[in-house]
Amino acid sequence: MSTDHEVEGTRRDFLYIATSAVGAVGVAAAAWPFIDQMNPDATVRALSSVEVDTGPIEEGQSIIIKWRGNPVILRHRTAKEIEESKAVTMADLPDPDARNANAPDGADASDINRVVDGKEKMLVMIGVCTHLGCVPIGDAGEFDGWFCPCHGSHYDTAGRIRKGPAPENLPVPPYKYIDDSKIVIG
């Protein structure tokens, strides 16, 4: 008698498990179209990288392009700006981290870690103040770099915070050179 009961209980358990499994697969199959439609469409994915020709940018000139909805500053720095930036000691910087997606984690904020080695003249960084997200003004402030007039943050010619409430340096997006004058951001 106990054997018949165990067999019957086992069949019932199997039916519960099988029904639950089929139900779970059905719910997943029904939910997939709703989940999949939340992925970004092709136009958004196309904006994930931008190619920029830096050749026309004159020395001492900056341009701003849009990448992923953010302004990206490309600055063709002068020799004086580069020398001033290299002369800054790490002790003078409120944020010692490079904040460069191209540099290794933990890289210091020295000038060479804010640009691509060998291409020090071209500075590429996201132009959004790290305090509250304002867009800083170029060629301004106490350090001749960028100045955020909203709350008074001053950045130097390498985009490093030097004075004010901003907690971090302006971030450098991932980018690479595809030839001497063209870069791909993203």
N, C-alpha and C. Protein backbone atom coordinates (compact mmCIF):
# COMPACT_ATOMS: atom_id res chain seq x y z
N MET A 1 0.79 -1.20 0.00
CA MET A 1 0.00 0.00 0.00
C MET A 1 0.84 1.27 0.00
N SER A 2 1.84 1.31 0.78
CA SER A 2 2.67 2.51 0.81
C SER A 2 3.40 2.72 -0.52
N THR A 3 3.65 1.65 -1.25
CA THR A 3 4.32 1.77 -2.54
C THR A 3 3.43 2.47 -3.54
N ASP A 4 2.11 2.13 -3.56
CA ASP A 4 1.18 2.79 -4.48
C ASP A 4 1.08 4.29 -4.16
N HIS A 5 1.07 4.61 -2.89
CA HIS A 5 0.96 6.01 -2.49
C HIS A 5 2.20 6.80 -2.92
N GLU A 6 3.39 6.21 -2.77
CA GLU A 6 4.62 6.88 -3.17
C GLU A 6 4.65 7.10 -4.67
N VAL A 7 4.19 6.11 -5.46
CA VAL A 7 4.17 6.25 -6.91
C VAL A 7 3.21 7.36 -7.31
N GLU A 8 2.01 7.35 -6.67
CA GLU A 8 1.04 8.39 -6.98
C GLU A 8 1.57 9.77 -6.60
N GLY A 9 2.23 9.89 -5.46
CA GLY A 9 2.83 11.16 -5.05
C GLY A 9 3.92 11.61 -6.00
N THR A 10 4.68 10.70 -6.51
CA THR A 10 5.76 11.01 -7.44
C THR A 10 5.18 11.52 -8.76
N ARG A 11 4.09 10.90 -9.22
CA ARG A 11 3.46 11.37 -10.46
C ARG A 11 2.90 12.78 -10.27
N ARG A 12 2.32 13.04 -9.14
CA ARG A 12 1.75 14.36 -8.87
C ARG A 12 2.88 15.40 -8.81
N ASP A 13 3.97 15.05 -8.15
CA ASP A 13 5.11 15.95 -8.08
C ASP A 13 5.64 16.25 -9.49
N PHE A 14 5.73 15.21 -10.32
CA PHE A 14 6.20 15.40 -11.69
C PHE A 14 5.28 16.34 -12.45
N LEU A 15 3.98 16.17 -12.30
CA LEU A 15 3.03 17.04 -13.00
C LEU A 15 3.15 18.49 -12.54
N TYR A 16 3.33 18.70 -11.25
CA TYR A 16 3.51 20.07 -10.74
C TYR A 16 4.78 20.71 -11.32
N ILE A 17 5.85 19.96 -11.32
CA ILE A 17 7.12 20.48 -11.83
C ILE A 17 7.03 20.74 -13.33
N ALA A 18 6.48 19.80 -14.07
CA ALA A 18 6.36 19.96 -15.52
C ALA A 18 5.46 21.15 -15.86
N THR A 19 4.35 21.29 -15.18
CA THR A 19 3.44 22.41 -15.42
C THR A 19 4.11 23.73 -15.09
N SER A 20 4.83 23.79 -13.97
CA SER A 20 5.54 25.01 -13.59
C SER A 20 6.61 25.37 -14.62
N ALA A 21 7.34 24.37 -15.11
CA ALA A 21 8.40 24.63 -16.10
C ALA A 21 7.80 25.15 -17.41
N VAL A 22 6.74 24.55 -17.88
CA VAL A 22 6.09 25.00 -19.11
C VAL A 22 5.54 26.42 -18.91
N GLY A 23 4.99 26.69 -17.76
CA GLY A 23 4.47 28.03 -17.46
C GLY A 23 5.59 29.07 -17.43
N ALA A 24 6.72 28.72 -16.84
CA ALA A 24 7.85 29.65 -16.77
C ALA A 24 8.38 29.95 -18.17
N VAL A 25 8.49 28.93 -19.01
CA VAL A 25 8.95 29.13 -20.38
C VAL A 25 7.95 30.01 -21.14
N GLY A 26 6.68 29.79 -20.92
CA GLY A 26 5.64 30.60 -21.58
C GLY A 26 5.71 32.06 -21.16
N VAL A 27 5.90 32.31 -19.88
CA VAL A 27 6.00 33.68 -19.38
C VAL A 27 7.24 34.35 -19.97
N ALA A 28 8.35 33.63 -19.99
CA ALA A 28 9.59 34.19 -20.56
C ALA A 28 9.41 34.50 -22.04
N ALA A 29 8.78 33.60 -22.77
CA ALA A 29 8.57 33.82 -24.21
C ALA A 29 7.64 35.01 -24.45
N ALA A 30 6.65 35.18 -23.60
CA ALA A 30 5.73 36.30 -23.75
C ALA A 30 6.39 37.62 -23.33
N ALA A 31 7.28 37.59 -22.35
CA ALA A 31 7.91 38.80 -21.85
C ALA A 31 9.06 39.27 -22.74
N TRP A 32 9.68 38.37 -23.49
CA TRP A 32 10.85 38.75 -24.29
C TRP A 32 10.62 39.92 -25.23
N PRO A 33 9.54 39.98 -26.00
CA PRO A 33 9.34 41.15 -26.88
C PRO A 33 9.27 42.47 -26.11
N PHE A 34 8.70 42.45 -24.92
CA PHE A 34 8.62 43.67 -24.13
C PHE A 34 9.99 44.10 -23.62
N ILE A 35 10.80 43.13 -23.22
CA ILE A 35 12.14 43.43 -22.74
C ILE A 35 13.02 43.88 -23.91
N ASP A 36 12.94 43.19 -25.02
CA ASP A 36 13.77 43.50 -26.18
C ASP A 36 13.49 44.88 -26.75
N GLN A 37 12.27 45.34 -26.68
CA GLN A 37 11.95 46.66 -27.22
C GLN A 37 12.57 47.79 -26.41
N MET A 38 13.09 47.51 -25.22
CA MET A 38 13.74 48.53 -24.42
C MET A 38 15.19 48.77 -24.83
N ASN A 39 15.76 47.93 -25.68
CA ASN A 39 17.12 48.14 -26.17
C ASN A 39 17.16 49.39 -27.04
N PRO A 40 18.31 50.07 -27.09
CA PRO A 40 18.40 51.26 -27.94
C PRO A 40 18.25 50.91 -29.41
N ASP A 41 17.64 51.82 -30.17
CA ASP A 41 17.46 51.54 -31.59
C ASP A 41 18.75 51.83 -32.37
N ALA A 42 18.72 51.60 -33.65
CA ALA A 42 19.92 51.70 -34.48
C ALA A 42 20.48 53.12 -34.51
N THR A 43 19.63 54.14 -34.44
CA THR A 43 20.14 55.51 -34.50
C THR A 43 20.95 55.84 -33.25
N VAL A 44 20.55 55.32 -32.12
CA VAL A 44 21.30 55.56 -30.88
C VAL A 44 22.63 54.80 -30.93
N ARG A 45 22.59 53.57 -31.39
CA ARG A 45 23.83 52.79 -31.47
C ARG A 45 24.80 53.41 -32.47
N ALA A 46 24.29 54.04 -33.51
CA ALA A 46 25.16 54.68 -34.49
C ALA A 46 25.90 55.87 -33.88
N LEU A 47 25.31 56.52 -32.89
CA LEU A 47 25.94 57.65 -32.24
C LEU A 47 26.95 57.24 -31.17
N SER A 48 27.16 55.95 -30.99
CA SER A 48 28.06 55.50 -29.95
C SER A 48 29.51 55.81 -30.27
N SER A 49 29.82 56.09 -31.53
CA SER A 49 31.17 56.54 -31.88
C SER A 49 31.07 57.65 -32.92
N VAL A 50 32.03 58.55 -32.86
CA VAL A 50 32.07 59.70 -33.75
C VAL A 50 33.48 59.84 -34.29
N GLU A 51 33.60 60.06 -35.58
CA GLU A 51 34.90 60.30 -36.20
C GLU A 51 35.06 61.80 -36.40
N VAL A 52 36.21 62.33 -35.99
CA VAL A 52 36.47 63.76 -36.08
C VAL A 52 37.81 63.99 -36.76
N ASP A 53 37.83 64.92 -37.73
CA ASP A 53 39.07 65.32 -38.38
C ASP A 53 39.61 66.52 -37.61
N THR A 54 40.74 66.34 -36.95
CA THR A 54 41.32 67.42 -36.15
C THR A 54 42.24 68.32 -36.96
N GLY A 55 42.48 67.98 -38.21
CA GLY A 55 43.37 68.77 -39.06
C GLY A 55 42.98 70.23 -39.17
N PRO A 56 41.71 70.56 -39.38
CA PRO A 56 41.33 71.97 -39.53
C PRO A 56 41.37 72.79 -38.23
N ILE A 57 41.54 72.15 -37.08
CA ILE A 57 41.55 72.89 -35.81
C ILE A 57 42.91 73.60 -35.68
N GLU A 58 42.87 74.92 -35.65
CA GLU A 58 44.10 75.72 -35.55
C GLU A 58 44.67 75.64 -34.14
N GLU A 59 45.96 75.87 -34.02
CA GLU A 59 46.59 75.90 -32.71
C GLU A 59 45.97 77.00 -31.86
N GLY A 60 45.60 76.67 -30.63
CA GLY A 60 44.93 77.61 -29.74
C GLY A 60 43.43 77.64 -29.90
N GLN A 61 42.88 76.83 -30.80
CA GLN A 61 41.45 76.80 -31.06
C GLN A 61 40.82 75.56 -30.42
N SER A 62 39.56 75.69 -30.02
CA SER A 62 38.77 74.58 -29.50
C SER A 62 37.53 74.42 -30.35
N ILE A 63 37.09 73.19 -30.49
CA ILE A 63 35.77 72.94 -31.08
C ILE A 63 35.01 72.05 -30.11
N ILE A 64 33.71 72.09 -30.24
CA ILE A 64 32.86 71.24 -29.41
C ILE A 64 32.00 70.41 -30.35
N ILE A 65 32.03 69.10 -30.13
CA ILE A 65 31.17 68.20 -30.88
C ILE A 65 30.24 67.51 -29.89
N LYS A 66 29.25 66.84 -30.41
CA LYS A 66 28.32 66.13 -29.54
C LYS A 66 28.57 64.63 -29.67
N TRP A 67 28.70 63.97 -28.53
CA TRP A 67 28.91 62.52 -28.47
C TRP A 67 28.07 61.97 -27.32
N ARG A 68 27.17 61.05 -27.65
CA ARG A 68 26.26 60.45 -26.67
C ARG A 68 25.50 61.51 -25.87
N GLY A 69 25.14 62.57 -26.52
CA GLY A 69 24.36 63.62 -25.88
C GLY A 69 25.17 64.59 -25.04
N ASN A 70 26.49 64.43 -25.00
CA ASN A 70 27.35 65.30 -24.21
C ASN A 70 28.26 66.12 -25.11
N PRO A 71 28.59 67.34 -24.68
CA PRO A 71 29.57 68.11 -25.44
C PRO A 71 30.97 67.56 -25.19
N VAL A 72 31.71 67.36 -26.26
CA VAL A 72 33.10 66.92 -26.15
C VAL A 72 33.97 68.04 -26.71
N ILE A 73 34.92 68.48 -25.90
CA ILE A 73 35.81 69.57 -26.28
C ILE A 73 37.07 68.97 -26.89
N LEU A 74 37.44 69.47 -28.07
CA LEU A 74 38.70 69.14 -28.70
C LEU A 74 39.50 70.43 -28.75
N ARG A 75 40.62 70.45 -28.08
CA ARG A 75 41.44 71.67 -27.98
C ARG A 75 42.82 71.39 -28.56
N HIS A 76 43.21 72.19 -29.56
CA HIS A 76 44.57 72.13 -30.10
C HIS A 76 45.40 73.09 -29.25
N ARG A 77 46.11 72.52 -28.30
CA ARG A 77 46.83 73.33 -27.32
C ARG A 77 48.11 73.92 -27.90
N THR A 78 48.44 75.09 -27.40
CA THR A 78 49.69 75.74 -27.79
C THR A 78 50.84 75.14 -26.98
N ALA A 79 52.06 75.39 -27.42
CA ALA A 79 53.23 74.91 -26.68
C ALA A 79 53.26 75.49 -25.28
N LYS A 80 52.84 76.74 -25.13
CA LYS A 80 52.80 77.38 -23.82
C LYS A 80 51.80 76.67 -22.90
N GLU A 81 50.63 76.33 -23.43
CA GLU A 81 49.62 75.63 -22.62
C GLU A 81 50.12 74.26 -22.17
N ILE A 82 50.82 73.57 -23.05
CA ILE A 82 51.35 72.25 -22.71
C ILE A 82 52.42 72.38 -21.63
N GLU A 83 53.31 73.33 -21.78
CA GLU A 83 54.38 73.53 -20.78
C GLU A 83 53.80 73.92 -19.43
N GLU A 84 52.80 74.82 -19.42
CA GLU A 84 52.15 75.20 -18.16
C GLU A 84 51.50 73.99 -17.50
N SER A 85 50.88 73.16 -18.29
CA SER A 85 50.21 71.98 -17.76
C SER A 85 51.21 70.97 -17.20
N LYS A 86 52.32 70.79 -17.91
CA LYS A 86 53.35 69.85 -17.43
C LYS A 86 54.03 70.34 -16.17
N ALA A 87 54.07 71.65 -15.95
CA ALA A 87 54.75 72.23 -14.79
C ALA A 87 53.96 72.08 -13.49
N VAL A 88 52.70 71.72 -13.57
CA VAL A 88 51.87 71.60 -12.38
C VAL A 88 52.27 70.34 -11.61
N THR A 89 52.46 70.49 -10.31
CA THR A 89 52.78 69.32 -9.47
C THR A 89 51.50 68.64 -9.02
N MET A 90 51.58 67.36 -8.76
CA MET A 90 50.39 66.59 -8.36
C MET A 90 49.83 67.11 -7.03
N ALA A 91 50.66 67.67 -6.18
CA ALA A 91 50.20 68.18 -4.88
C ALA A 91 49.28 69.39 -5.06
N ASP A 92 49.39 70.08 -6.20
CA ASP A 92 48.55 71.25 -6.46
C ASP A 92 47.16 70.89 -6.99
N LEU A 93 46.93 69.61 -7.27
CA LEU A 93 45.67 69.19 -7.87
C LEU A 93 44.70 68.63 -6.83
N PRO A 94 43.48 69.16 -6.77
CA PRO A 94 42.48 68.60 -5.85
C PRO A 94 42.10 67.16 -6.20
N ASP A 95 42.12 66.82 -7.50
CA ASP A 95 41.81 65.46 -7.95
C ASP A 95 43.05 64.88 -8.62
N PRO A 96 43.74 63.95 -7.97
CA PRO A 96 44.98 63.41 -8.54
C PRO A 96 44.76 62.32 -9.60
N ASP A 97 43.50 61.94 -9.87
CA ASP A 97 43.21 60.86 -10.82
C ASP A 97 43.08 61.42 -12.23
N ALA A 98 43.62 60.69 -13.21
CA ALA A 98 43.60 61.16 -14.60
C ALA A 98 42.19 61.24 -15.18
N ARG A 99 41.28 60.39 -14.74
CA ARG A 99 39.90 60.35 -15.28
C ARG A 99 39.93 60.18 -16.79
N ASN A 100 40.86 59.37 -17.27
CA ASN A 100 41.04 59.14 -18.70
C ASN A 100 40.68 57.70 -19.01
N ALA A 101 39.67 57.50 -19.85
CA ALA A 101 39.23 56.15 -20.21
C ALA A 101 40.30 55.40 -20.99
N ASN A 102 41.30 56.11 -21.52
CA ASN A 102 42.36 55.48 -22.29
C ASN A 102 43.58 55.12 -21.44
N ALA A 103 43.66 55.67 -20.24
CA ALA A 103 44.80 55.42 -19.36
C ALA A 103 44.48 54.26 -18.42
N PRO A 104 45.50 53.62 -17.88
CA PRO A 104 45.25 52.54 -16.94
C PRO A 104 44.58 53.06 -15.66
N ASP A 105 43.83 52.19 -15.00
CA ASP A 105 43.18 52.57 -13.74
C ASP A 105 44.23 53.04 -12.74
N GLY A 106 43.92 54.10 -12.04
CA GLY A 106 44.83 54.63 -11.03
C GLY A 106 45.91 55.54 -11.58
N ALA A 107 45.88 55.86 -12.88
CA ALA A 107 46.88 56.76 -13.46
C ALA A 107 46.72 58.15 -12.85
N ASP A 108 47.84 58.81 -12.59
CA ASP A 108 47.76 60.14 -12.00
C ASP A 108 47.35 61.17 -13.06
N ALA A 109 47.02 62.36 -12.60
CA ALA A 109 46.50 63.40 -13.48
C ALA A 109 47.59 64.24 -14.12
N SER A 110 48.76 63.68 -14.31
CA SER A 110 49.81 64.43 -15.00
C SER A 110 49.35 64.71 -16.43
N ASP A 111 49.95 65.70 -17.05
CA ASP A 111 49.53 66.11 -18.38
C ASP A 111 49.58 64.94 -19.37
N ILE A 112 50.60 64.12 -19.31
CA ILE A 112 50.77 63.03 -20.27
C ILE A 112 49.66 61.98 -20.12
N ASN A 113 49.09 61.86 -18.94
CA ASN A 113 48.00 60.90 -18.72
C ASN A 113 46.63 61.46 -19.08
N ARG A 114 46.58 62.70 -19.52
CA ARG A 114 45.31 63.31 -19.94
C ARG A 114 45.18 63.35 -21.46
N VAL A 115 46.24 62.97 -22.19
CA VAL A 115 46.24 62.99 -23.65
C VAL A 115 46.79 61.66 -24.16
N VAL A 116 46.81 61.49 -25.47
CA VAL A 116 47.44 60.32 -26.08
C VAL A 116 48.92 60.61 -26.23
N ASP A 117 49.76 59.71 -25.77
CA ASP A 117 51.20 59.90 -25.82
C ASP A 117 51.65 60.15 -27.27
N GLY A 118 52.44 61.18 -27.44
CA GLY A 118 52.91 61.56 -28.77
C GLY A 118 51.98 62.53 -29.48
N LYS A 119 50.80 62.75 -28.93
CA LYS A 119 49.82 63.67 -29.52
C LYS A 119 49.37 64.67 -28.46
N GLU A 120 50.35 65.21 -27.70
CA GLU A 120 50.04 66.08 -26.57
C GLU A 120 49.33 67.36 -26.96
N LYS A 121 49.45 67.76 -28.23
CA LYS A 121 48.82 69.02 -28.65
C LYS A 121 47.30 68.94 -28.63
N MET A 122 46.73 67.76 -28.87
CA MET A 122 45.27 67.64 -28.95
C MET A 122 44.72 67.09 -27.64
N LEU A 123 43.91 67.90 -26.97
CA LEU A 123 43.24 67.50 -25.74
C LEU A 123 41.79 67.20 -26.07
N VAL A 124 41.30 66.03 -25.66
CA VAL A 124 39.92 65.62 -25.90
C VAL A 124 39.31 65.31 -24.54
N MET A 125 38.20 65.96 -24.22
CA MET A 125 37.55 65.70 -22.93
C MET A 125 36.07 66.06 -23.00
N ILE A 126 35.32 65.46 -22.11
CA ILE A 126 33.88 65.73 -22.03
C ILE A 126 33.70 67.07 -21.32
N GLY A 127 32.99 67.98 -21.96
CA GLY A 127 32.83 69.34 -21.45
C GLY A 127 31.64 69.51 -20.54
N VAL A 128 31.58 68.73 -19.49
CA VAL A 128 30.50 68.84 -18.51
C VAL A 128 31.15 68.97 -17.13
N CYS A 129 30.86 70.08 -16.45
CA CYS A 129 31.43 70.32 -15.14
C CYS A 129 31.06 69.18 -14.20
N THR A 130 32.03 68.71 -13.45
CA THR A 130 31.80 67.57 -12.57
C THR A 130 31.11 67.96 -11.26
N HIS A 131 30.78 69.22 -11.11
CA HIS A 131 30.06 69.64 -9.91
C HIS A 131 28.56 69.40 -10.07
N LEU A 132 27.94 70.11 -11.01
CA LEU A 132 26.49 69.95 -11.20
C LEU A 132 26.10 69.80 -12.66
N GLY A 133 27.05 69.53 -13.54
CA GLY A 133 26.72 69.23 -14.92
C GLY A 133 26.57 70.42 -15.84
N CYS A 134 27.08 71.57 -15.46
CA CYS A 134 27.04 72.75 -16.34
C CYS A 134 28.11 72.58 -17.43
N VAL A 135 28.06 73.43 -18.44
CA VAL A 135 29.07 73.40 -19.50
C VAL A 135 30.02 74.56 -19.26
N PRO A 136 31.30 74.26 -18.96
CA PRO A 136 32.26 75.34 -18.69
C PRO A 136 32.63 76.13 -19.94
N ILE A 137 33.05 77.36 -19.73
CA ILE A 137 33.46 78.27 -20.80
C ILE A 137 34.96 78.09 -21.03
N GLY A 138 35.36 77.98 -22.30
CA GLY A 138 36.77 77.80 -22.63
C GLY A 138 37.56 79.09 -22.62
N ASP A 139 38.88 78.97 -22.50
CA ASP A 139 39.79 80.11 -22.46
C ASP A 139 39.39 81.11 -21.38
N ALA A 140 39.04 80.58 -20.22
CA ALA A 140 38.58 81.44 -19.14
C ALA A 140 39.05 80.88 -17.80
N GLY A 141 38.84 81.66 -16.76
CA GLY A 141 39.20 81.22 -15.42
C GLY A 141 40.62 81.60 -15.05
N GLU A 142 40.97 81.30 -13.83
CA GLU A 142 42.28 81.69 -13.30
C GLU A 142 43.44 80.91 -13.90
N PHE A 143 43.16 79.79 -14.53
CA PHE A 143 44.23 78.94 -15.05
C PHE A 143 44.22 78.86 -16.57
N ASP A 144 43.51 79.80 -17.22
CA ASP A 144 43.43 79.92 -18.68
C ASP A 144 42.94 78.65 -19.37
N GLY A 145 42.14 77.87 -18.65
CA GLY A 145 41.59 76.65 -19.24
C GLY A 145 40.10 76.81 -19.45
N TRP A 146 39.31 76.30 -18.49
CA TRP A 146 37.86 76.36 -18.57
C TRP A 146 37.34 76.85 -17.23
N PHE A 147 36.23 77.59 -17.31
CA PHE A 147 35.62 78.16 -16.13
C PHE A 147 34.13 77.87 -16.17
N CYS A 148 33.61 77.34 -15.08
CA CYS A 148 32.17 77.08 -14.95
C CYS A 148 31.57 78.24 -14.16
N PRO A 149 30.85 79.15 -14.83
CA PRO A 149 30.34 80.33 -14.15
C PRO A 149 29.20 80.05 -13.16
N CYS A 150 28.58 78.89 -13.27
CA CYS A 150 27.45 78.57 -12.39
C CYS A 150 27.86 78.56 -10.91
N HIS A 151 28.99 77.92 -10.61
CA HIS A 151 29.41 77.80 -9.21
C HIS A 151 30.88 78.11 -8.99
N GLY A 152 31.58 78.53 -10.06
CA GLY A 152 32.96 79.01 -9.90
C GLY A 152 34.04 77.96 -9.94
N SER A 153 33.87 76.89 -10.69
CA SER A 153 34.94 75.89 -10.81
C SER A 153 35.91 76.32 -11.90
N HIS A 154 37.20 76.20 -11.61
CA HIS A 154 38.26 76.58 -12.54
C HIS A 154 39.03 75.33 -12.93
N TYR A 155 39.20 75.12 -14.23
CA TYR A 155 39.96 73.99 -14.77
C TYR A 155 41.17 74.54 -15.52
N ASP A 156 42.28 73.80 -15.51
CA ASP A 156 43.47 74.27 -16.21
C ASP A 156 43.48 73.83 -17.67
N THR A 157 44.62 74.02 -18.35
CA THR A 157 44.72 73.73 -19.78
C THR A 157 44.76 72.24 -20.10
N ALA A 158 44.70 71.39 -19.06
CA ALA A 158 44.59 69.95 -19.26
C ALA A 158 43.23 69.44 -18.78
N GLY A 159 42.34 70.37 -18.42
CA GLY A 159 41.00 69.98 -17.97
C GLY A 159 40.96 69.45 -16.55
N ARG A 160 41.97 69.77 -15.76
CA ARG A 160 42.02 69.32 -14.37
C ARG A 160 41.44 70.38 -13.46
N ILE A 161 40.65 69.96 -12.48
CA ILE A 161 40.07 70.91 -11.53
C ILE A 161 41.20 71.52 -10.71
N ARG A 162 41.16 72.84 -10.58
CA ARG A 162 42.21 73.52 -9.81
C ARG A 162 41.62 74.32 -8.66
N LYS A 163 40.37 74.79 -8.84
CA LYS A 163 39.76 75.63 -7.80
C LYS A 163 38.25 75.56 -7.96
N GLY A 164 37.54 75.56 -6.84
CA GLY A 164 36.08 75.58 -6.90
C GLY A 164 35.47 74.30 -6.36
N PRO A 165 34.16 74.20 -6.45
CA PRO A 165 33.46 73.07 -5.83
C PRO A 165 33.48 71.76 -6.63
N ALA A 166 33.90 71.80 -7.88
CA ALA A 166 33.90 70.55 -8.67
C ALA A 166 34.84 69.55 -8.02
N PRO A 167 34.37 68.31 -7.85
CA PRO A 167 35.20 67.32 -7.15
C PRO A 167 36.20 66.58 -8.03
N GLU A 168 35.99 66.59 -9.36
CA GLU A 168 36.83 65.77 -10.24
C GLU A 168 37.27 66.54 -11.47
N ASN A 169 38.33 66.02 -12.11
CA ASN A 169 38.79 66.54 -13.38
C ASN A 169 37.74 66.26 -14.45
N LEU A 170 37.76 67.04 -15.54
CA LEU A 170 36.87 66.75 -16.66
C LEU A 170 37.26 65.40 -17.24
N PRO A 171 36.32 64.50 -17.44
CA PRO A 171 36.67 63.16 -17.92
C PRO A 171 37.09 63.15 -19.39
N VAL A 172 38.00 62.23 -19.69
CA VAL A 172 38.47 62.04 -21.06
C VAL A 172 37.77 60.79 -21.61
N PRO A 173 37.03 60.93 -22.71
CA PRO A 173 36.30 59.77 -23.24
C PRO A 173 37.25 58.79 -23.92
N PRO A 174 36.79 57.57 -24.17
CA PRO A 174 37.64 56.65 -24.94
C PRO A 174 37.76 57.15 -26.37
N TYR A 175 38.98 57.29 -26.84
CA TYR A 175 39.21 57.71 -28.22
C TYR A 175 40.54 57.16 -28.69
N LYS A 176 40.68 57.11 -30.03
CA LYS A 176 41.95 56.66 -30.61
C LYS A 176 42.15 57.35 -31.94
N TYR A 177 43.40 57.47 -32.32
CA TYR A 177 43.75 58.04 -33.61
C TYR A 177 43.68 56.95 -34.67
N ILE A 178 43.03 57.27 -35.79
CA ILE A 178 43.02 56.32 -36.91
C ILE A 178 44.00 56.73 -37.99
N ASP A 179 44.44 57.99 -37.97
CA ASP A 179 45.59 58.45 -38.75
C ASP A 179 46.10 59.71 -38.05
N ASP A 180 46.98 60.45 -38.66
CA ASP A 180 47.60 61.59 -37.97
C ASP A 180 46.64 62.68 -37.54
N SER A 181 45.52 62.82 -38.25
CA SER A 181 44.62 63.91 -37.91
C SER A 181 43.18 63.47 -37.63
N LYS A 182 42.88 62.21 -37.73
CA LYS A 182 41.51 61.76 -37.48
C LYS A 182 41.46 60.88 -36.23
N ILE A 183 40.45 61.18 -35.40
CA ILE A 183 40.24 60.36 -34.21
C ILE A 183 38.83 59.80 -34.22
N VAL A 184 38.66 58.70 -33.52
CA VAL A 184 37.35 58.11 -33.32
C VAL A 184 37.08 58.16 -31.82
N ILE A 185 36.00 58.81 -31.46
CA ILE A 185 35.61 58.91 -30.05
C ILE A 185 34.53 57.86 -29.83
N GLY A 186 34.72 57.05 -28.83
CA GLY A 186 33.74 56.00 -28.50
C GLY A 186 34.20 54.62 -28.85
